[in-house]
Amino acid sequence: MGEDDEGKRVDRQRNRGRVAAAALAAMCAAAFLPGQAHAAGPGVYAFDPDAKNVQGAATNVEASTLDEGFPYRSTIKPGEKLYYRVTLDDASAAYVSAVAVPGDGGAVAFGDGITVSLRETDDTQCDEGRASFGSGAYARPVTAYASRTIKEGGSTCQEGGPYDVLVERESKATSSQEPWDLELRFLQEPKLRSGTSLPTEAPGSWPSASAKPLTGKQQKRSGGSGFSEATGLENGRWQDTVAPGQTRFFRVPVDWGQQIHATAGLSNTTSATKEFVGSALTLSLVNPAQGPVSDAMLSYSGGPASASLRPLPPVDYRNRFDSSSQVSAMRFAGWYYLSVSLSPKLKESYGAEPIPFELSVQVKNQAEESPYEGDAGVFGVTDQDREVARKGQNAEQAAKSGPMTVVAAAGIGTGSVLVLGLGVWTLLARRRASAAGHPAGGVNQPPAQGW
């Protein structure tokens, strides 16, 4: 082979190496790109992209099984009663939640909503939860959950085995008769540490004073269009916009012993109209199992207005034994979700343009030790969660930027990237070896190093 041919061969190998390296770099760069915000119009709910479709059954014996930890998507018609099934162990508290999502612009009335109940297969009811639109009677996502609590000396719903989940929809005749979408989840709480006695009573008292208004600098941070897109927040004053008929979702890490306060303030408009709109904005708090905690509403007449959540207790395992649903819902640590919904009625008087709002968030007290044995999963707060909140990331963005989950988030198997990387490494080594005049892997290479 002549010198020209040999030079061309080396050049071709060099180019192949550059292309392969560029391909690997491009894929790795794609894996590290932050998640893009999903542009969703008013009323459009962003379902979890991993949600599996499941059909509810009219009879419990035909119910489809919901696996623990996986999101599901279903639908329910007015007046329907749909069964699903879960399998519980005999030691863990369990939670089944349903987010009801009416169609964009669908009419709802006071009292419309869903009920979720957890039952033994003989129809003995363990628990039920209900979500309705209340006085803020306009279509928006609402959530309800039912639980199974392990009790010392409990006689019902304590055994392991199959349980029925019943989801019921109530809609007035004057309301929209279109099906509602459902987002379903089934979770089991971690077991308490060995040697920990099972609490039986709620805390006797807790700090119930309202938080003082924050005075720090306001920062912009856009909310998501669903729980799976909820934007992380830490303490501070956060600015976003919300259009009539739209809901913006955020999430805040709240650890054991910590207490959350939140206020939503809606800006004035430049419109000359001053028409009164009751229940114009709804601020809602939902716990890590997607169980409703508390709501606050404000009315609007074109000028600045604000609404604050009622003072809530610090996160405590014992809160579950309190008779108040608001206190009971503050029973575990994790990501707590805040949503801001604006009534579509504002469009008639103030137009369709989004209105600025401020969401003020305060999480007080030092974090306390988790009562669980082992990994708390979604029922805990990690240093990484706090960093995610500081950066303002949602779950998808956090997964893509995590050091150990970059490859999985980008849809590339770890093994595939390693193989590709080794292939590029080998190709470059061969190119260098050929250029040096000896085969790759020859005696002139340094010995392999241990990992």
Protein backbone atom coordinates (compact mmCIF):
# COMPACT_ATOMS: atom_id res chain seq x y z
CA MET A 1 0.00 0.00 0.00
CA GLY A 2 1.41 3.42 -0.97
CA GLU A 3 1.97 6.32 1.37
CA ASP A 4 -1.08 8.16 -0.06
CA ASP A 5 -3.33 5.14 0.54
CA GLU A 6 -1.98 4.68 4.07
CA GLY A 7 -2.53 8.37 4.79
CA LYS A 8 -6.11 8.17 3.55
CA ARG A 9 -6.74 5.08 5.72
CA VAL A 10 -5.45 6.85 8.81
CA ASP A 11 -7.56 9.90 7.97
CA ARG A 12 -10.67 7.72 7.60
CA GLN A 13 -10.01 6.11 11.00
CA ARG A 14 -9.43 9.52 12.51
CA ASN A 15 -12.74 10.80 11.07
CA ARG A 16 -14.61 7.71 12.30
CA GLY A 17 -13.20 8.31 15.75
CA ARG A 18 -14.30 11.92 15.67
CA VAL A 19 -17.81 11.00 14.50
CA ALA A 20 -18.20 8.30 17.16
CA ALA A 21 -16.88 10.58 19.89
CA ALA A 22 -19.18 13.36 18.70
CA ALA A 23 -22.14 10.96 18.77
CA LEU A 24 -21.35 9.93 22.33
CA ALA A 25 -20.85 13.55 23.36
CA ALA A 26 -24.15 14.54 21.73
CA MET A 27 -26.07 11.81 23.56
CA CYS A 28 -24.44 12.66 26.86
CA ALA A 29 -25.15 16.36 26.28
CA ALA A 30 -28.79 15.55 25.53
CA ALA A 31 -28.95 13.62 28.77
CA PHE A 32 -27.74 16.64 30.70
CA LEU A 33 -30.08 19.16 29.13
CA PRO A 34 -32.59 20.54 31.64
CA GLY A 35 -36.21 19.60 31.10
CA GLN A 36 -38.17 21.95 28.94
CA ALA A 37 -41.29 23.58 30.31
CA HIS A 38 -44.46 22.17 28.80
CA ALA A 39 -46.62 24.86 27.30
CA ALA A 40 -50.17 24.07 28.34
CA GLY A 41 -53.18 26.24 27.74
CA PRO A 42 -55.75 27.09 30.39
CA GLY A 43 -57.48 24.02 31.77
CA VAL A 44 -54.98 21.55 30.27
CA TYR A 45 -53.70 19.13 32.93
CA ALA A 46 -50.31 17.45 32.47
CA PHE A 47 -50.72 13.79 33.41
CA ASP A 48 -47.72 11.84 34.61
CA PRO A 49 -45.96 10.72 31.39
CA ASP A 50 -45.41 7.28 32.95
CA ALA A 51 -49.10 6.76 33.75
CA LYS A 52 -50.57 3.46 32.59
CA ASN A 53 -54.11 3.34 31.24
CA VAL A 54 -56.51 1.32 33.39
CA GLN A 55 -60.26 0.84 33.15
CA GLY A 56 -62.43 0.85 36.24
CA ALA A 57 -64.89 -2.00 36.66
CA ALA A 58 -68.57 -1.88 37.59
CA THR A 59 -68.10 -4.99 39.78
CA ASN A 60 -65.32 -5.57 42.27
CA VAL A 61 -64.49 -9.10 41.07
CA GLU A 62 -63.58 -7.66 37.66
CA ALA A 63 -61.42 -4.86 39.05
CA SER A 64 -57.96 -4.23 37.58
CA THR A 65 -55.03 -4.26 40.00
CA LEU A 66 -53.06 -1.09 40.77
CA ASP A 67 -49.39 -1.76 41.51
CA GLU A 68 -47.73 0.14 44.30
CA GLY A 69 -45.79 3.24 43.31
CA PHE A 70 -47.01 3.46 39.71
CA PRO A 71 -49.26 6.23 38.32
CA TYR A 72 -52.41 5.23 36.41
CA ARG A 73 -54.85 7.07 34.18
CA SER A 74 -58.55 6.28 33.93
CA THR A 75 -61.92 8.00 33.27
CA ILE A 76 -65.22 8.23 35.11
CA LYS A 77 -68.69 9.30 33.95
CA PRO A 78 -71.38 11.14 35.96
CA GLY A 79 -72.90 8.85 38.58
CA GLU A 80 -70.42 6.04 37.90
CA LYS A 81 -69.00 3.81 40.63
CA LEU A 82 -65.76 2.20 39.52
CA TYR A 83 -63.72 -0.50 41.25
CA TYR A 84 -59.98 -1.02 41.25
CA ARG A 85 -57.96 -3.43 43.37
CA VAL A 86 -54.80 -3.20 45.48
CA THR A 87 -52.84 -5.71 47.56
CA LEU A 88 -51.82 -4.60 51.05
CA ASP A 89 -49.36 -6.12 53.50
CA ASP A 90 -50.22 -6.55 57.18
CA ALA A 91 -47.88 -3.91 58.60
CA SER A 92 -47.92 -0.76 56.45
CA ALA A 93 -50.23 2.21 56.26
CA ALA A 94 -51.58 2.46 52.70
CA TYR A 95 -52.96 5.26 50.55
CA VAL A 96 -54.91 5.34 47.30
CA SER A 97 -55.45 8.75 45.68
CA ALA A 98 -57.45 9.99 42.72
CA VAL A 99 -56.99 13.31 40.95
CA ALA A 100 -60.20 14.21 39.11
CA VAL A 101 -59.67 16.36 36.02
CA PRO A 102 -62.83 17.80 34.41
CA GLY A 103 -62.65 18.79 30.77
CA ASP A 104 -61.53 22.28 29.82
CA GLY A 105 -64.48 24.61 30.31
CA GLY A 106 -66.83 21.90 31.57
CA ALA A 107 -69.50 23.28 33.89
CA VAL A 108 -69.48 22.09 37.50
CA ALA A 109 -71.76 22.91 40.41
CA PHE A 110 -71.47 23.20 44.18
CA GLY A 111 -71.17 19.67 45.59
CA ASP A 112 -69.89 18.07 42.41
CA GLY A 113 -66.86 15.89 43.09
CA ILE A 114 -65.47 12.42 43.70
CA THR A 115 -65.31 10.03 46.64
CA VAL A 116 -62.52 7.50 47.08
CA SER A 117 -62.95 4.63 49.53
CA LEU A 118 -60.78 1.67 50.49
CA ARG A 119 -62.68 -1.51 51.37
CA GLU A 120 -62.19 -5.13 52.30
CA THR A 121 -63.50 -7.48 49.62
CA ASP A 122 -66.63 -8.11 51.74
CA ASP A 123 -67.37 -4.34 51.40
CA THR A 124 -66.25 -3.44 54.94
CA GLN A 125 -65.10 0.16 54.60
CA CYS A 126 -61.64 1.07 55.88
CA ASP A 127 -61.71 4.77 55.03
CA GLU A 128 -63.03 7.27 52.52
CA GLY A 129 -62.11 10.72 51.30
CA ARG A 130 -64.04 13.21 49.23
CA ALA A 131 -63.08 16.14 47.01
CA SER A 132 -65.54 18.71 45.72
CA PHE A 133 -65.39 22.11 44.07
CA GLY A 134 -67.11 23.80 47.00
CA SER A 135 -67.93 27.48 46.66
CA GLY A 136 -65.24 27.77 43.99
CA ALA A 137 -67.53 25.97 41.56
CA TYR A 138 -65.39 25.95 38.44
CA ALA A 139 -63.59 23.11 36.69
CA ARG A 140 -60.07 22.44 37.98
CA PRO A 141 -58.12 19.39 39.19
CA VAL A 142 -59.22 18.19 42.64
CA THR A 143 -57.82 15.27 44.61
CA ALA A 144 -59.08 12.83 47.23
CA TYR A 145 -57.56 9.83 48.97
CA ALA A 146 -58.44 6.95 51.27
CA SER A 147 -56.08 5.22 53.68
CA ARG A 148 -55.57 2.09 55.74
CA THR A 149 -54.00 2.83 59.12
CA ILE A 150 -52.44 0.10 61.25
CA LYS A 151 -53.88 0.40 64.76
CA GLU A 152 -52.94 -1.31 68.00
CA GLY A 153 -55.78 -3.77 68.61
CA GLY A 154 -57.52 -2.84 65.36
CA SER A 155 -60.19 -5.28 64.18
CA THR A 156 -60.87 -4.23 60.59
CA CYS A 157 -58.66 -3.67 57.57
CA GLN A 158 -55.53 -4.87 59.39
CA GLU A 159 -54.83 -8.06 57.45
CA GLY A 160 -52.70 -8.40 54.36
CA GLY A 161 -54.34 -9.34 51.07
CA PRO A 162 -56.56 -7.89 48.33
CA TYR A 163 -58.60 -4.73 48.96
CA ASP A 164 -61.10 -2.87 46.79
CA VAL A 165 -60.77 0.78 45.80
CA LEU A 166 -64.09 2.42 44.91
CA VAL A 167 -64.16 5.75 43.08
CA GLU A 168 -67.56 7.47 42.79
CA ARG A 169 -68.47 10.63 40.88
CA GLU A 170 -71.29 13.01 41.75
CA SER A 171 -72.40 15.61 39.21
CA LYS A 172 -75.57 17.71 39.15
CA ALA A 173 -77.90 17.48 36.16
CA THR A 174 -76.94 21.07 35.25
CA SER A 175 -73.24 20.19 35.19
CA SER A 176 -71.25 18.97 32.21
CA GLN A 177 -71.95 15.29 31.55
CA GLU A 178 -68.62 14.62 29.87
CA PRO A 179 -66.30 12.00 31.43
CA TRP A 180 -63.62 13.20 33.82
CA ASP A 181 -60.07 11.94 33.59
CA LEU A 182 -58.57 10.35 36.68
CA GLU A 183 -54.96 10.06 37.80
CA LEU A 184 -54.62 7.22 40.34
CA ARG A 185 -51.82 6.25 42.73
CA PHE A 186 -51.33 3.54 45.36
CA LEU A 187 -48.60 3.93 48.00
CA GLN A 188 -47.60 2.09 51.16
CA GLU A 189 -45.85 3.90 53.98
CA PRO A 190 -42.50 2.57 55.28
CA LYS A 191 -42.50 0.63 58.54
CA LEU A 192 -41.44 2.29 61.78
CA ARG A 193 -37.97 1.59 63.14
CA SER A 194 -37.58 -1.58 65.16
CA GLY A 195 -38.34 -1.02 68.82
CA THR A 196 -40.53 2.04 68.12
CA SER A 197 -43.87 1.81 69.89
CA LEU A 198 -46.86 2.54 67.70
CA PRO A 199 -48.36 5.94 68.64
CA THR A 200 -52.07 6.04 69.42
CA GLU A 201 -52.78 9.73 70.13
CA ALA A 202 -52.33 13.03 68.29
CA PRO A 203 -50.04 15.76 69.69
CA GLY A 204 -51.73 17.78 72.38
CA SER A 205 -50.79 21.22 71.06
CA TRP A 206 -48.71 22.92 68.38
CA PRO A 207 -47.76 26.50 67.33
CA SER A 208 -50.83 27.92 65.61
CA ALA A 209 -49.76 31.53 65.02
CA SER A 210 -49.82 32.89 61.48
CA ALA A 211 -46.48 33.56 59.85
CA LYS A 212 -45.25 37.12 59.45
CA PRO A 213 -45.20 38.35 55.83
CA LEU A 214 -41.93 37.85 54.00
CA THR A 215 -40.02 40.94 52.92
CA GLY A 216 -37.24 39.45 50.78
CA LYS A 217 -36.72 39.99 47.07
CA GLN A 218 -39.37 38.52 44.78
CA GLN A 219 -38.17 35.96 42.21
CA LYS A 220 -39.83 34.57 39.08
CA ARG A 221 -40.55 30.85 38.87
CA SER A 222 -43.12 29.24 36.54
CA GLY A 223 -45.40 26.54 37.87
CA GLY A 224 -46.21 23.30 36.07
CA SER A 225 -49.51 22.03 34.66
CA GLY A 226 -49.86 18.93 36.86
CA PHE A 227 -48.45 17.18 39.92
CA SER A 228 -45.77 15.49 37.82
CA GLU A 229 -44.66 18.90 36.51
CA ALA A 230 -44.84 20.74 39.84
CA THR A 231 -41.97 23.23 40.16
CA GLY A 232 -39.75 23.03 43.24
CA LEU A 233 -39.80 25.95 45.68
CA GLU A 234 -37.91 26.85 48.83
CA ASN A 235 -38.63 29.67 51.27
CA GLY A 236 -39.26 32.92 49.47
CA ARG A 237 -41.56 35.12 47.41
CA TRP A 238 -42.22 33.61 44.00
CA GLN A 239 -43.86 35.32 41.04
CA ASP A 240 -45.77 33.64 38.19
CA THR A 241 -48.86 34.28 36.07
CA VAL A 242 -52.12 32.35 35.85
CA ALA A 243 -54.81 32.63 33.18
CA PRO A 244 -58.56 32.28 33.77
CA GLY A 245 -59.35 28.54 33.92
CA GLN A 246 -55.70 27.58 34.53
CA THR A 247 -54.00 25.84 37.48
CA ARG A 248 -50.29 26.20 38.29
CA PHE A 249 -48.53 23.50 40.36
CA PHE A 250 -45.55 23.82 42.72
CA ARG A 251 -43.94 21.56 45.33
CA VAL A 252 -42.10 22.23 48.58
CA PRO A 253 -39.99 19.77 50.64
CA VAL A 254 -41.31 19.67 54.22
CA ASP A 255 -39.41 17.45 56.64
CA TRP A 256 -40.33 15.95 60.00
CA GLY A 257 -41.01 18.64 62.59
CA GLN A 258 -41.30 21.37 59.98
CA GLN A 259 -44.28 23.66 59.51
CA ILE A 260 -45.38 25.13 56.16
CA HIS A 261 -47.08 28.49 55.60
CA ALA A 262 -48.25 29.75 52.21
CA THR A 263 -50.00 32.85 50.85
CA ALA A 264 -51.14 33.62 47.30
CA GLY A 265 -51.52 37.25 46.25
CA LEU A 266 -53.24 38.14 42.97
CA SER A 267 -52.12 41.34 41.25
CA ASN A 268 -54.34 44.19 40.19
CA THR A 269 -55.27 44.45 36.51
CA THR A 270 -54.99 47.47 34.25
CA SER A 271 -58.60 46.99 33.18
CA ALA A 272 -61.04 49.74 34.02
CA THR A 273 -63.53 47.07 35.07
CA LYS A 274 -64.02 46.54 38.79
CA GLU A 275 -66.57 43.75 38.63
CA PHE A 276 -66.70 41.49 41.69
CA VAL A 277 -65.88 37.78 41.18
CA GLY A 278 -66.40 35.50 44.19
CA SER A 279 -63.97 32.61 44.82
CA ALA A 280 -61.80 33.95 42.01
CA LEU A 281 -58.60 32.18 43.07
CA THR A 282 -58.07 28.93 44.97
CA LEU A 283 -54.83 28.09 46.77
CA SER A 284 -54.60 24.39 47.66
CA LEU A 285 -52.12 22.27 49.62
CA VAL A 286 -51.77 18.52 48.99
CA ASN A 287 -49.57 16.07 50.92
CA PRO A 288 -46.99 13.59 49.50
CA ALA A 289 -49.65 10.88 49.07
CA GLN A 290 -51.72 13.43 47.10
CA GLY A 291 -54.21 13.76 49.90
CA PRO A 292 -55.88 17.18 50.31
CA VAL A 293 -54.69 19.22 53.27
CA SER A 294 -56.12 22.74 53.08
CA ASP A 295 -57.63 25.34 50.73
CA ALA A 296 -57.85 29.12 50.74
CA MET A 297 -59.89 31.31 48.40
CA LEU A 298 -59.99 34.97 47.53
CA SER A 299 -62.53 37.19 45.79
CA TYR A 300 -61.48 39.70 43.18
CA SER A 301 -62.55 43.17 42.04
CA GLY A 302 -59.61 44.13 39.86
CA GLY A 303 -57.39 45.25 42.74
CA PRO A 304 -54.70 43.38 44.69
CA ALA A 305 -56.07 40.54 46.83
CA SER A 306 -54.51 37.71 48.83
CA ALA A 307 -55.44 34.49 50.65
CA SER A 308 -53.42 32.43 53.14
CA LEU A 309 -53.68 28.82 54.21
CA ARG A 310 -54.79 28.40 57.80
CA PRO A 311 -51.92 27.62 60.20
CA LEU A 312 -51.05 23.94 59.98
CA PRO A 313 -49.18 21.75 62.50
CA PRO A 314 -45.58 20.63 62.10
CA VAL A 315 -45.20 17.30 60.29
CA ASP A 316 -45.64 14.54 62.88
CA TYR A 317 -46.42 10.83 62.57
CA ARG A 318 -48.96 11.22 65.39
CA ASN A 319 -51.02 13.80 63.47
CA ARG A 320 -52.86 10.91 61.78
CA PHE A 321 -54.77 10.31 65.00
CA ASP A 322 -56.24 13.84 65.11
CA SER A 323 -59.94 14.23 64.33
CA SER A 324 -59.27 17.25 62.07
CA SER A 325 -58.63 16.24 58.47
CA GLN A 326 -56.23 19.17 58.03
CA VAL A 327 -54.11 18.10 60.98
CA SER A 328 -54.35 14.41 60.09
CA ALA A 329 -53.05 15.06 56.58
CA MET A 330 -49.76 16.47 57.96
CA ARG A 331 -48.66 12.96 58.94
CA PHE A 332 -45.46 12.43 56.97
CA ALA A 333 -42.53 14.27 55.43
CA GLY A 334 -41.93 14.65 51.71
CA TRP A 335 -42.90 16.91 48.81
CA TYR A 336 -46.02 18.95 49.61
CA TYR A 337 -47.83 20.36 46.58
CA LEU A 338 -49.23 23.87 46.22
CA SER A 339 -51.59 24.73 43.38
CA VAL A 340 -53.02 28.07 42.30
CA SER A 341 -56.25 27.98 40.26
CA LEU A 342 -57.94 31.00 38.66
CA SER A 343 -61.66 30.98 37.92
CA PRO A 344 -62.62 31.09 34.22
CA LYS A 345 -65.27 33.65 35.21
CA LEU A 346 -62.58 36.32 35.26
CA LYS A 347 -62.33 36.04 31.49
CA GLU A 348 -65.75 37.65 31.07
CA SER A 349 -64.77 40.79 32.96
CA TYR A 350 -60.99 40.99 32.80
CA GLY A 351 -60.09 39.19 29.58
CA ALA A 352 -58.19 36.00 28.85
CA GLU A 353 -54.68 37.30 29.51
CA PRO A 354 -52.77 35.76 32.44
CA ILE A 355 -52.69 37.79 35.66
CA PRO A 356 -49.50 38.00 37.76
CA PHE A 357 -49.57 36.46 41.23
CA GLU A 358 -47.14 36.01 44.08
CA LEU A 359 -46.77 32.78 46.06
CA SER A 360 -45.12 33.30 49.41
CA VAL A 361 -43.72 30.12 51.03
CA GLN A 362 -42.25 29.66 54.50
CA VAL A 363 -41.07 26.34 55.96
CA LYS A 364 -40.09 26.75 59.59
CA ASN A 365 -38.18 24.69 62.21
CA GLN A 366 -35.18 22.41 61.96
CA ALA A 367 -35.73 18.98 60.39
CA GLU A 368 -36.11 16.09 62.82
CA GLU A 369 -35.14 12.44 62.48
CA SER A 370 -37.32 10.15 60.37
CA PRO A 371 -39.25 7.50 62.36
CA TYR A 372 -39.00 4.96 59.53
CA GLU A 373 -36.75 1.99 59.11
CA GLY A 374 -34.61 2.27 55.98
CA ASP A 375 -35.34 4.39 52.93
CA ALA A 376 -38.40 6.62 53.36
CA GLY A 377 -39.03 6.96 49.60
CA VAL A 378 -41.60 9.66 48.85
CA PHE A 379 -42.27 10.01 52.59
CA GLY A 380 -39.00 11.72 53.35
CA VAL A 381 -36.82 14.70 52.42
CA THR A 382 -33.22 14.36 51.27
CA ASP A 383 -30.44 16.87 50.70
CA GLN A 384 -30.97 16.30 46.99
CA ASP A 385 -34.65 17.28 47.37
CA ARG A 386 -33.60 20.54 49.00
CA GLU A 387 -31.17 21.20 46.15
CA VAL A 388 -33.93 20.45 43.62
CA ALA A 389 -36.18 22.97 45.40
CA ARG A 390 -33.38 25.55 45.37
CA LYS A 391 -32.93 25.09 41.61
CA GLY A 392 -36.67 25.19 40.92
CA GLN A 393 -36.78 21.82 39.17
CA ASN A 394 -39.73 19.50 38.65
CA ALA A 395 -39.41 15.72 38.97
CA GLU A 396 -38.44 15.14 35.32
CA GLN A 397 -35.79 17.86 35.35
CA ALA A 398 -34.38 16.57 38.65
CA ALA A 399 -34.16 13.04 37.25
CA LYS A 400 -32.32 14.23 34.15
CA SER A 401 -29.82 16.31 36.11
CA GLY A 402 -29.15 13.70 38.82
CA PRO A 403 -25.63 12.21 38.66
CA MET A 404 -26.81 8.59 38.69
CA THR A 405 -29.98 8.93 36.66
CA VAL A 406 -28.85 10.97 33.67
CA VAL A 407 -28.63 7.97 31.38
CA ALA A 408 -32.00 6.52 32.42
CA ALA A 409 -33.73 9.88 32.09
CA ALA A 410 -32.38 10.30 28.57
CA GLY A 411 -33.81 6.93 27.57
CA ILE A 412 -30.41 5.28 27.09
CA GLY A 413 -29.49 2.15 29.06
CA THR A 414 -26.35 2.39 31.17
CA GLY A 415 -24.95 -0.70 29.51
CA SER A 416 -25.53 0.78 26.06
CA VAL A 417 -23.57 3.92 26.92
CA LEU A 418 -20.76 1.91 28.48
CA VAL A 419 -20.56 -0.27 25.38
CA LEU A 420 -20.63 2.79 23.15
CA GLY A 421 -18.01 4.52 25.28
CA LEU A 422 -15.74 1.48 25.24
CA GLY A 423 -16.24 1.21 21.49
CA VAL A 424 -15.17 4.81 20.99
CA TRP A 425 -12.23 4.31 23.35
CA THR A 426 -11.13 1.17 21.46
CA LEU A 427 -11.49 2.86 18.08
CA LEU A 428 -9.39 5.83 19.16
CA ALA A 429 -6.80 3.51 20.70
CA ARG A 430 -6.55 1.55 17.45
CA ARG A 431 -6.21 4.78 15.49
CA ARG A 432 -3.40 5.95 17.75
CA ALA A 433 -1.74 2.52 17.64
CA SER A 434 -1.90 2.41 13.83
CA ALA A 435 -0.45 5.86 13.60
CA ALA A 436 2.34 4.77 15.98
CA GLY A 437 3.07 1.67 13.89
CA HIS A 438 1.96 -1.11 16.31
CA PRO A 439 -1.39 -2.86 16.90
CA ALA A 440 -3.67 -1.75 19.70
CA GLY A 441 -3.23 -3.92 22.76
CA GLY A 442 0.43 -4.62 21.89
CA VAL A 443 3.38 -4.96 24.26
CA ASN A 444 4.10 -1.25 24.23
CA GLN A 445 0.80 -0.40 26.01
CA PRO A 446 0.88 0.24 29.74
CA PRO A 447 -0.61 -2.45 31.98
CA ALA A 448 -4.35 -2.23 32.70
CA GLN A 449 -5.29 -0.45 35.90
CA GLY A 450 -7.80 -1.85 38.39
CA TRP A 451 -11.19 -0.16 38.77
